[in-house]
Amino acid sequence: AVSGHTVSAYMKYKPATLEEAGDYLLQDVLNPGEAGMIAVDKYGNIYMDMNTNGMFRGSSDSEGNREVAIWD
């Protein structure tokens, strides 16, 4: 919950994109090897990244685009 608030506040007050805010959280706030994040903004942009060796993740959008990944 705190990570979500950090990303939301960064987007609002910087202002920044979802990708910029997610990268800020994972690279500058959290310790390496500590976390991953999957987030969607109000425009439907999907952010999936981590500062770990791997993270199971997946997404699908209304246009039928699908992504499934474990590592980079």
Protein backbone atom coordinates (compact mmCIF):
# COMPACT_ATOMS: atom_id res chain seq x y z
CA ALA A 1 0.00 0.00 0.00
CA VAL A 2 2.81 2.43 0.78
CA SER A 3 4.53 1.67 -2.53
CA GLY A 4 1.32 2.42 -4.42
CA HIS A 5 0.99 5.73 -2.58
CA THR A 6 4.61 6.62 -3.35
CA VAL A 7 4.09 6.01 -7.08
CA SER A 8 0.78 7.90 -7.12
CA ALA A 9 2.20 10.91 -5.26
CA TYR A 10 5.30 10.99 -7.48
CA MET A 11 3.08 11.00 -10.58
CA LYS A 12 0.89 13.76 -9.19
CA TYR A 13 3.45 16.14 -7.74
CA LYS A 14 6.49 15.67 -10.02
CA PRO A 15 4.55 15.29 -12.47
CA ALA A 16 5.75 12.02 -13.97
CA THR A 17 4.55 9.07 -16.02
CA LEU A 18 3.74 5.72 -14.48
CA GLU A 19 7.02 4.31 -15.81
CA GLU A 20 9.06 7.19 -14.36
CA ALA A 21 7.34 6.86 -10.98
CA GLY A 22 7.72 3.07 -10.89
CA ASP A 23 11.39 3.31 -11.82
CA TYR A 24 11.90 5.94 -9.09
CA LEU A 25 10.37 3.62 -6.50
CA LEU A 26 12.32 0.52 -7.51
CA GLN A 27 15.67 2.23 -8.16
CA ASP A 28 15.79 5.10 -5.66
CA VAL A 29 13.47 4.25 -2.74
CA LEU A 30 13.58 0.48 -2.21
CA ASN A 31 16.67 -1.63 -1.59
CA PRO A 32 18.02 -3.75 -4.49
CA GLY A 33 16.55 -7.24 -4.56
CA GLU A 34 13.60 -6.17 -2.44
CA ALA A 35 10.53 -5.72 -4.64
CA GLY A 36 8.60 -5.75 -7.86
CA MET A 37 5.56 -3.82 -8.99
CA ILE A 38 2.67 -4.29 -11.36
CA ALA A 39 0.63 -1.10 -11.84
CA VAL A 40 -1.91 0.37 -14.25
CA ASP A 41 -2.57 4.10 -14.62
CA LYS A 42 -5.85 5.82 -15.50
CA TYR A 43 -4.93 5.69 -19.19
CA GLY A 44 -4.44 1.93 -19.18
CA ASN A 45 -0.64 2.06 -19.32
CA ILE A 46 0.82 -1.04 -17.70
CA TYR A 47 4.03 -0.99 -15.66
CA MET A 48 5.72 -4.26 -14.70
CA ASP A 49 9.26 -4.18 -13.35
CA MET A 50 11.34 -5.37 -10.43
CA ASN A 51 14.67 -4.84 -8.73
CA THR A 52 15.08 -8.60 -8.15
CA ASN A 53 16.45 -11.42 -10.32
CA GLY A 54 12.96 -12.38 -11.47
CA MET A 55 9.24 -11.99 -10.86
CA PHE A 56 6.28 -13.89 -12.29
CA ARG A 57 4.06 -11.34 -14.04
CA GLY A 58 1.52 -10.98 -16.80
CA SER A 59 -0.85 -8.50 -18.40
CA SER A 60 -3.53 -8.26 -21.05
CA ASP A 61 -5.22 -5.22 -22.59
CA SER A 62 -8.48 -4.53 -24.43
CA GLU A 63 -6.72 -4.79 -27.81
CA GLY A 64 -5.70 -8.39 -27.13
CA ASN A 65 -2.05 -7.69 -26.38
CA ARG A 66 -0.70 -10.15 -23.84
CA GLU A 67 2.59 -10.36 -22.00
CA VAL A 68 3.88 -13.03 -19.65
CA ALA A 69 7.39 -12.93 -18.17
CA ILE A 70 9.57 -14.20 -15.34
CA TRP A 71 12.95 -12.55 -15.95
CA ASP A 72 13.85 -9.38 -17.84
